[in-house]
Amino acid sequence: MNDLNIEWLSRMDYDEAWQLQKQLVREIDREERSDALLLVEHPPTYTIGSDRHPEHLLYSEQELRTHGIQLYEIDRGGDITYHGPGQLVGYPILYLDAVGLDLHAYLRKLEEAIIVLLEQYGVVAGRKAAYTGVWVGDAKVAAIGVKFNKARTRRGFVTSHGFALNVKQGIEQEGFQGIVPCGIAEYGVTSIEALTGLTLDVEEVGRKLVPHFCNVFGYSDTNQKENLRSSAQ
């Protein structure tokens, strides 16, 4: 089984994490390092993907400043979404070999890892036809938006960007009210705490996700707890 380098980045500005992803994509493409999974929280941030609809940003520039929310136009797929404290954001930087490559299967595996994690908290989650992400009824608990970077030194792709799992209750109102999340006006968002009544720590949720991610994607989970380290230590 392949090795996976897992790193908890703690609280990190979005642009810093984005630049780190680009660096890792280059290094993994050149076979200079193993695949990676970055786990992080961001300060309040809106990101707009390649499916851009300016009308889905409801806040004015002044309101963005008032709420302390940064705005980035980025290179992943999808529309606008929110990242902020209380949300577990994961960036898998993985090499996908051209042999048997299935980009849609990659998205489904991301969803599966989160669905299995939520089962651990007693939450029955699933998919919604025509939409990417993880849902509980008509509320989205995890958004997914990725980029497939064509490898330069070998056949295949290296993934970047990833998923955002709402953990802490209140995140539904704190940032999502200023956008039409992913351009979906008819459905809402939720969080693990809102669904369970539990009080959770974002880093601990990340630790519990790791073995499920490794199992779904076929990585070795030997000593995975030791590999999950904080850059703040």
C-alpha atoms as a PDB file:
ATOM      1  CA  MET A   1       0.000   0.000   0.000  1.00  0.00           C
ATOM      2  CA  ASN A   2       1.176   3.534  -0.750  1.00  0.00           C
ATOM      3  CA  ASP A   3       2.241   5.974   1.926  1.00  0.00           C
ATOM      4  CA  LEU A   4       0.310   9.155   2.639  1.00  0.00           C
ATOM      5  CA  ASN A   5       1.897  12.169   4.325  1.00  0.00           C
ATOM      6  CA  ILE A   6      -0.736  13.733   6.602  1.00  0.00           C
ATOM      7  CA  GLU A   7      -0.302  17.178   8.098  1.00  0.00           C
ATOM      8  CA  TRP A   8      -2.530  19.253  10.378  1.00  0.00           C
ATOM      9  CA  LEU A   9      -1.827  22.905   9.506  1.00  0.00           C
ATOM     10  CA  SER A  10      -3.925  24.412  12.306  1.00  0.00           C
ATOM     11  CA  ARG A  11      -5.300  27.893  11.393  1.00  0.00           C
ATOM     12  CA  MET A  12      -3.799  29.141   8.130  1.00  0.00           C
ATOM     13  CA  ASP A  13      -4.702  31.941   5.737  1.00  0.00           C
ATOM     14  CA  TYR A  14      -6.265  30.645   2.544  1.00  0.00           C
ATOM     15  CA  ASP A  15      -3.625  32.028   0.187  1.00  0.00           C
ATOM     16  CA  GLU A  16      -0.784  30.449   2.185  1.00  0.00           C
ATOM     17  CA  ALA A  17      -2.472  27.048   1.996  1.00  0.00           C
ATOM     18  CA  TRP A  18      -3.160  27.533  -1.725  1.00  0.00           C
ATOM     19  CA  GLN A  19       0.501  28.270  -2.447  1.00  0.00           C
ATOM     20  CA  LEU A  20       1.515  25.213  -0.405  1.00  0.00           C
ATOM     21  CA  GLN A  21      -0.798  23.050  -2.488  1.00  0.00           C
ATOM     22  CA  LYS A  22       0.839  24.304  -5.699  1.00  0.00           C
ATOM     23  CA  GLN A  23       4.284  23.488  -4.307  1.00  0.00           C
ATOM     24  CA  LEU A  24       3.210  19.965  -3.320  1.00  0.00           C
ATOM     25  CA  VAL A  25       1.602  19.370  -6.724  1.00  0.00           C
ATOM     26  CA  ARG A  26       4.962  20.127  -8.376  1.00  0.00           C
ATOM     27  CA  GLU A  27       6.937  17.946  -5.956  1.00  0.00           C
ATOM     28  CA  ILE A  28       4.553  14.985  -6.233  1.00  0.00           C
ATOM     29  CA  ASP A  29       4.521  15.318 -10.021  1.00  0.00           C
ATOM     30  CA  ARG A  30       8.347  15.064  -9.995  1.00  0.00           C
ATOM     31  CA  GLU A  31       8.146  12.067  -7.612  1.00  0.00           C
ATOM     32  CA  GLU A  32      10.089  13.996  -4.978  1.00  0.00           C
ATOM     33  CA  ARG A  33       7.654  13.158  -2.173  1.00  0.00           C
ATOM     34  CA  SER A  34       4.706  10.939  -1.257  1.00  0.00           C
ATOM     35  CA  ASP A  35       1.079  11.891  -1.729  1.00  0.00           C
ATOM     36  CA  ALA A  36      -0.225  14.285   0.913  1.00  0.00           C
ATOM     37  CA  LEU A  37      -3.382  15.137   2.810  1.00  0.00           C
ATOM     38  CA  LEU A  38      -3.423  18.635   4.323  1.00  0.00           C
ATOM     39  CA  LEU A  39      -5.996  19.294   7.051  1.00  0.00           C
ATOM     40  CA  VAL A  40      -6.615  22.907   8.048  1.00  0.00           C
ATOM     41  CA  GLU A  41      -8.975  25.569   9.347  1.00  0.00           C
ATOM     42  CA  HIS A  42      -9.151  28.924   7.582  1.00  0.00           C
ATOM     43  CA  PRO A  43     -10.095  32.391   8.806  1.00  0.00           C
ATOM     44  CA  PRO A  44     -13.380  33.614   7.240  1.00  0.00           C
ATOM     45  CA  THR A  45     -12.930  33.290   3.471  1.00  0.00           C
ATOM     46  CA  TYR A  46     -15.040  33.084   0.329  1.00  0.00           C
ATOM     47  CA  THR A  47     -13.589  31.239  -2.660  1.00  0.00           C
ATOM     48  CA  ILE A  48     -15.021  31.394  -6.154  1.00  0.00           C
ATOM     49  CA  GLY A  49     -14.236  28.519  -8.511  1.00  0.00           C
ATOM     50  CA  SER A  50     -14.193  28.303 -12.290  1.00  0.00           C
ATOM     51  CA  ASP A  51     -18.006  28.200 -12.515  1.00  0.00           C
ATOM     52  CA  ARG A  52     -18.229  31.888 -11.629  1.00  0.00           C
ATOM     53  CA  HIS A  53     -21.550  33.620 -10.968  1.00  0.00           C
ATOM     54  CA  PRO A  54     -20.958  37.073  -9.405  1.00  0.00           C
ATOM     55  CA  GLU A  55     -24.614  37.285  -8.360  1.00  0.00           C
ATOM     56  CA  HIS A  56     -24.065  34.436  -5.894  1.00  0.00           C
ATOM     57  CA  LEU A  57     -21.916  36.743  -3.739  1.00  0.00           C
ATOM     58  CA  LEU A  58     -24.520  38.676  -1.761  1.00  0.00           C
ATOM     59  CA  TYR A  59     -22.180  40.889   0.277  1.00  0.00           C
ATOM     60  CA  SER A  60     -20.815  44.177  -1.004  1.00  0.00           C
ATOM     61  CA  GLU A  61     -17.113  45.028  -0.659  1.00  0.00           C
ATOM     62  CA  GLN A  62     -17.968  47.073   2.425  1.00  0.00           C
ATOM     63  CA  GLU A  63     -19.885  44.169   3.974  1.00  0.00           C
ATOM     64  CA  LEU A  64     -16.947  41.846   3.310  1.00  0.00           C
ATOM     65  CA  ARG A  65     -14.690  44.257   5.206  1.00  0.00           C
ATOM     66  CA  THR A  66     -17.232  44.632   8.011  1.00  0.00           C
ATOM     67  CA  HIS A  67     -17.463  40.856   8.471  1.00  0.00           C
ATOM     68  CA  GLY A  68     -13.714  40.358   8.039  1.00  0.00           C
ATOM     69  CA  ILE A  69     -14.120  37.941   5.132  1.00  0.00           C
ATOM     70  CA  GLN A  70     -11.424  37.516   2.497  1.00  0.00           C
ATOM     71  CA  LEU A  71     -12.349  36.778  -1.127  1.00  0.00           C
ATOM     72  CA  TYR A  72     -10.350  34.704  -3.633  1.00  0.00           C
ATOM     73  CA  GLU A  73     -11.015  33.675  -7.221  1.00  0.00           C
ATOM     74  CA  ILE A  74      -9.328  30.304  -7.571  1.00  0.00           C
ATOM     75  CA  ASP A  75      -8.703  27.474 -10.020  1.00  0.00           C
ATOM     76  CA  ARG A  76     -10.869  24.650  -8.656  1.00  0.00           C
ATOM     77  CA  GLY A  77     -14.159  23.594 -10.172  1.00  0.00           C
ATOM     78  CA  GLY A  78     -17.485  24.792  -8.818  1.00  0.00           C
ATOM     79  CA  ASP A  79     -19.024  28.071  -7.725  1.00  0.00           C
ATOM     80  CA  ILE A  80     -18.693  30.095  -4.523  1.00  0.00           C
ATOM     81  CA  THR A  81     -18.320  28.621  -1.049  1.00  0.00           C
ATOM     82  CA  TYR A  82     -17.308  29.630   2.476  1.00  0.00           C
ATOM     83  CA  HIS A  83     -14.396  28.554   4.644  1.00  0.00           C
ATOM     84  CA  GLY A  84     -14.064  29.574   8.257  1.00  0.00           C
ATOM     85  CA  PRO A  85     -13.342  28.622  11.860  1.00  0.00           C
ATOM     86  CA  GLY A  86     -15.228  25.511  12.880  1.00  0.00           C
ATOM     87  CA  GLN A  87     -14.841  23.868   9.484  1.00  0.00           C
ATOM     88  CA  LEU A  88     -12.451  21.033   8.652  1.00  0.00           C
ATOM     89  CA  VAL A  89     -10.892  21.672   5.253  1.00  0.00           C
ATOM     90  CA  GLY A  90      -8.963  18.892   3.547  1.00  0.00           C
ATOM     91  CA  TYR A  91      -6.622  19.161   0.571  1.00  0.00           C
ATOM     92  CA  PRO A  92      -5.651  15.750  -0.851  1.00  0.00           C
ATOM     93  CA  ILE A  93      -2.629  16.150  -3.144  1.00  0.00           C
ATOM     94  CA  LEU A  94      -2.636  12.756  -4.833  1.00  0.00           C
ATOM     95  CA  TYR A  95      -1.158  11.362  -8.022  1.00  0.00           C
ATOM     96  CA  LEU A  96      -3.789   9.644 -10.156  1.00  0.00           C
ATOM     97  CA  ASP A  97      -2.183   7.300 -12.662  1.00  0.00           C
ATOM     98  CA  ALA A  98      -3.498   7.512 -16.201  1.00  0.00           C
ATOM     99  CA  VAL A  99      -4.042   3.737 -16.167  1.00  0.00           C
ATOM    100  CA  GLY A 100      -7.626   3.172 -15.035  1.00  0.00           C
ATOM    101  CA  LEU A 101      -8.044   6.855 -14.273  1.00  0.00           C
ATOM    102  CA  ASP A 102     -11.603   7.787 -13.290  1.00  0.00           C
ATOM    103  CA  LEU A 103     -11.988  11.397 -12.188  1.00  0.00           C
ATOM    104  CA  HIS A 104     -15.634  10.956 -11.217  1.00  0.00           C
ATOM    105  CA  ALA A 105     -14.699   7.991  -9.023  1.00  0.00           C
ATOM    106  CA  TYR A 106     -12.247  10.253  -7.187  1.00  0.00           C
ATOM    107  CA  LEU A 107     -15.084  12.624  -6.232  1.00  0.00           C
ATOM    108  CA  ARG A 108     -17.246   9.721  -5.088  1.00  0.00           C
ATOM    109  CA  LYS A 109     -14.393   8.415  -2.918  1.00  0.00           C
ATOM    110  CA  LEU A 110     -14.024  11.801  -1.226  1.00  0.00           C
ATOM    111  CA  GLU A 111     -17.738  11.702  -0.463  1.00  0.00           C
ATOM    112  CA  GLU A 112     -17.506   8.116   0.773  1.00  0.00           C
ATOM    113  CA  ALA A 113     -14.714   8.886   3.268  1.00  0.00           C
ATOM    114  CA  ILE A 114     -16.823  11.664   4.801  1.00  0.00           C
ATOM    115  CA  ILE A 115     -20.021   9.600   4.804  1.00  0.00           C
ATOM    116  CA  VAL A 116     -18.263   6.796   6.716  1.00  0.00           C
ATOM    117  CA  LEU A 117     -16.801   9.323   9.164  1.00  0.00           C
ATOM    118  CA  LEU A 118     -20.263  10.742   9.855  1.00  0.00           C
ATOM    119  CA  GLU A 119     -21.552   7.236  10.617  1.00  0.00           C
ATOM    120  CA  GLN A 120     -19.090   7.243  13.514  1.00  0.00           C
ATOM    121  CA  TYR A 121     -21.046  10.192  14.962  1.00  0.00           C
ATOM    122  CA  GLY A 122     -24.409   8.523  14.355  1.00  0.00           C
ATOM    123  CA  VAL A 123     -25.214  10.675  11.319  1.00  0.00           C
ATOM    124  CA  VAL A 124     -26.758   9.007   8.279  1.00  0.00           C
ATOM    125  CA  ALA A 125     -25.461  11.030   5.345  1.00  0.00           C
ATOM    126  CA  GLY A 126     -25.436  10.432   1.622  1.00  0.00           C
ATOM    127  CA  ARG A 127     -25.380  11.975  -1.818  1.00  0.00           C
ATOM    128  CA  LYS A 128     -27.949  14.052  -3.656  1.00  0.00           C
ATOM    129  CA  ALA A 129     -28.558  13.407  -7.334  1.00  0.00           C
ATOM    130  CA  ALA A 130     -27.006  16.027  -9.649  1.00  0.00           C
ATOM    131  CA  TYR A 131     -24.949  17.591  -6.843  1.00  0.00           C
ATOM    132  CA  THR A 132     -21.435  16.961  -5.553  1.00  0.00           C
ATOM    133  CA  GLY A 133     -20.874  16.872  -1.800  1.00  0.00           C
ATOM    134  CA  VAL A 134     -22.244  15.115   1.272  1.00  0.00           C
ATOM    135  CA  TRP A 135     -25.831  15.708   2.338  1.00  0.00           C
ATOM    136  CA  VAL A 136     -28.135  14.969   5.242  1.00  0.00           C
ATOM    137  CA  GLY A 137     -31.603  15.281   3.809  1.00  0.00           C
ATOM    138  CA  ASP A 138     -31.767  18.630   2.020  1.00  0.00           C
ATOM    139  CA  ALA A 139     -28.846  20.170   3.921  1.00  0.00           C
ATOM    140  CA  LYS A 140     -25.226  19.969   2.787  1.00  0.00           C
ATOM    141  CA  VAL A 141     -22.712  19.122   5.501  1.00  0.00           C
ATOM    142  CA  ALA A 142     -19.634  18.909   3.256  1.00  0.00           C
ATOM    143  CA  ALA A 143     -18.788  20.719   0.030  1.00  0.00           C
ATOM    144  CA  ILE A 144     -16.312  19.372  -2.525  1.00  0.00           C
ATOM    145  CA  GLY A 145     -14.427  21.275  -5.220  1.00  0.00           C
ATOM    146  CA  VAL A 146     -11.245  19.975  -6.827  1.00  0.00           C
ATOM    147  CA  LYS A 147      -8.727  20.559  -9.575  1.00  0.00           C
ATOM    148  CA  PHE A 148      -7.024  17.868 -11.644  1.00  0.00           C
ATOM    149  CA  ASN A 149      -3.557  19.140 -12.557  1.00  0.00           C
ATOM    150  CA  LYS A 150      -2.140  17.399 -15.620  1.00  0.00           C
ATOM    151  CA  ALA A 151       1.167  15.819 -14.654  1.00  0.00           C
ATOM    152  CA  ARG A 152       4.194  17.143 -16.541  1.00  0.00           C
ATOM    153  CA  THR A 153       6.712  14.366 -15.911  1.00  0.00           C
ATOM    154  CA  ARG A 154       4.455  11.295 -16.125  1.00  0.00           C
ATOM    155  CA  ARG A 155       1.044  10.247 -17.381  1.00  0.00           C
ATOM    156  CA  GLY A 156      -1.906  11.161 -15.213  1.00  0.00           C
ATOM    157  CA  PHE A 157      -3.020  13.954 -12.903  1.00  0.00           C
ATOM    158  CA  VAL A 158      -2.209  15.358  -9.477  1.00  0.00           C
ATOM    159  CA  THR A 159      -5.223  16.495  -7.475  1.00  0.00           C
ATOM    160  CA  SER A 160      -5.538  19.713  -5.495  1.00  0.00           C
ATOM    161  CA  HIS A 161      -8.210  21.582  -3.516  1.00  0.00           C
ATOM    162  CA  GLY A 162     -10.667  19.191  -1.878  1.00  0.00           C
ATOM    163  CA  PHE A 163     -13.453  19.225   0.722  1.00  0.00           C
ATOM    164  CA  ALA A 164     -14.871  21.423   3.476  1.00  0.00           C
ATOM    165  CA  LEU A 165     -16.727  19.657   6.298  1.00  0.00           C
ATOM    166  CA  ASN A 166     -18.848  21.808   8.615  1.00  0.00           C
ATOM    167  CA  VAL A 167     -18.085  20.765  12.196  1.00  0.00           C
ATOM    168  CA  LYS A 168     -19.058  23.526  14.636  1.00  0.00           C
ATOM    169  CA  GLN A 169     -22.635  24.701  15.081  1.00  0.00           C
ATOM    170  CA  GLY A 170     -23.156  28.316  14.065  1.00  0.00           C
ATOM    171  CA  ILE A 171     -20.985  28.145  10.965  1.00  0.00           C
ATOM    172  CA  GLU A 172     -24.234  27.840   9.007  1.00  0.00           C
ATOM    173  CA  GLN A 173     -25.068  31.469   9.839  1.00  0.00           C
ATOM    174  CA  GLU A 174     -21.599  33.007  10.232  1.00  0.00           C
ATOM    175  CA  GLY A 175     -20.477  32.978   6.614  1.00  0.00           C
ATOM    176  CA  PHE A 176     -22.955  31.193   4.416  1.00  0.00           C
ATOM    177  CA  GLN A 177     -25.524  33.968   4.776  1.00  0.00           C
ATOM    178  CA  GLY A 178     -23.425  36.201   2.515  1.00  0.00           C
ATOM    179  CA  ILE A 179     -23.497  33.838  -0.476  1.00  0.00           C
ATOM    180  CA  VAL A 180     -25.620  31.404  -2.408  1.00  0.00           C
ATOM    181  CA  PRO A 181     -23.501  28.357  -1.467  1.00  0.00           C
ATOM    182  CA  CYS A 182     -22.269  26.529  -4.574  1.00  0.00           C
ATOM    183  CA  GLY A 183     -25.019  28.386  -6.424  1.00  0.00           C
ATOM    184  CA  ILE A 184     -27.706  26.198  -4.802  1.00  0.00           C
ATOM    185  CA  ALA A 185     -30.455  28.472  -3.489  1.00  0.00           C
ATOM    186  CA  GLU A 186     -33.105  25.855  -2.742  1.00  0.00           C
ATOM    187  CA  TYR A 187     -31.146  23.868  -0.120  1.00  0.00           C
ATOM    188  CA  GLY A 188     -29.339  24.817   3.069  1.00  0.00           C
ATOM    189  CA  VAL A 189     -26.209  23.805   4.963  1.00  0.00           C
ATOM    190  CA  THR A 190     -25.708  22.102   8.317  1.00  0.00           C
ATOM    191  CA  SER A 191     -22.915  20.957  10.637  1.00  0.00           C
ATOM    192  CA  ILE A 192     -22.017  17.843  12.619  1.00  0.00           C
ATOM    193  CA  GLU A 193     -22.715  19.615  15.915  1.00  0.00           C
ATOM    194  CA  ALA A 194     -26.146  20.769  14.714  1.00  0.00           C
ATOM    195  CA  LEU A 195     -26.978  17.220  13.645  1.00  0.00           C
ATOM    196  CA  THR A 196     -25.765  15.493  16.807  1.00  0.00           C
ATOM    197  CA  GLY A 197     -25.870  17.997  19.678  1.00  0.00           C
ATOM    198  CA  LEU A 198     -22.243  17.132  20.434  1.00  0.00           C
ATOM    199  CA  THR A 199     -19.459  19.603  21.179  1.00  0.00           C
ATOM    200  CA  LEU A 200     -16.582  18.752  18.866  1.00  0.00           C
ATOM    201  CA  ASP A 201     -12.987  19.766  18.234  1.00  0.00           C
ATOM    202  CA  VAL A 202     -12.099  20.302  14.574  1.00  0.00           C
ATOM    203  CA  GLU A 203      -8.634  18.742  14.830  1.00  0.00           C
ATOM    204  CA  GLU A 204     -10.040  15.658  16.550  1.00  0.00           C
ATOM    205  CA  VAL A 205     -12.600  15.247  13.758  1.00  0.00           C
ATOM    206  CA  GLY A 206      -9.675  15.394  11.340  1.00  0.00           C
ATOM    207  CA  ARG A 207      -7.890  12.646  13.252  1.00  0.00           C
ATOM    208  CA  LYS A 208     -10.967  10.452  13.032  1.00  0.00           C
ATOM    209  CA  LEU A 209     -11.279  11.098   9.297  1.00  0.00           C
ATOM    210  CA  VAL A 210      -7.737   9.910   8.514  1.00  0.00           C
ATOM    211  CA  PRO A 211      -8.237   6.112   8.814  1.00  0.00           C
ATOM    212  CA  HIS A 212     -11.433   6.299   6.742  1.00  0.00           C
ATOM    213  CA  PHE A 213      -9.646   8.326   4.066  1.00  0.00           C
ATOM    214  CA  CYS A 214      -6.749   5.863   4.014  1.00  0.00           C
ATOM    215  CA  ASN A 215      -9.107   2.909   3.769  1.00  0.00           C
ATOM    216  CA  VAL A 216     -11.184   4.384   0.928  1.00  0.00           C
ATOM    217  CA  PHE A 217      -8.141   5.438  -1.123  1.00  0.00           C
ATOM    218  CA  GLY A 218      -5.974   2.418  -0.362  1.00  0.00           C
ATOM    219  CA  TYR A 219      -3.228   4.075   1.677  1.00  0.00           C
ATOM    220  CA  SER A 220      -1.456   2.421   4.574  1.00  0.00           C
ATOM    221  CA  ASP A 221      -2.788   3.666   7.912  1.00  0.00           C
ATOM    222  CA  THR A 222       0.149   2.221   9.895  1.00  0.00           C
ATOM    223  CA  ASN A 223       1.284   4.837  12.427  1.00  0.00           C
ATOM    224  CA  GLN A 224      -1.110   7.312  10.869  1.00  0.00           C
ATOM    225  CA  LYS A 225      -1.713   8.959  14.258  1.00  0.00           C
ATOM    226  CA  GLU A 226       1.997   9.706  14.558  1.00  0.00           C
ATOM    227  CA  ASN A 227       2.054  11.167  11.055  1.00  0.00           C
ATOM    228  CA  LEU A 228      -0.742  13.605  11.839  1.00  0.00           C
ATOM    229  CA  ARG A 229       1.236  16.437  13.301  1.00  0.00           C
ATOM    230  CA  SER A 230       0.591  20.091  13.996  1.00  0.00           C
ATOM    231  CA  SER A 231       2.741  22.681  12.245  1.00  0.00           C
ATOM    232  CA  ALA A 232       2.214  24.886  15.306  1.00  0.00           C
ATOM    233  CA  GLN A 233       4.186  22.540  17.586  1.00  0.00           C
END
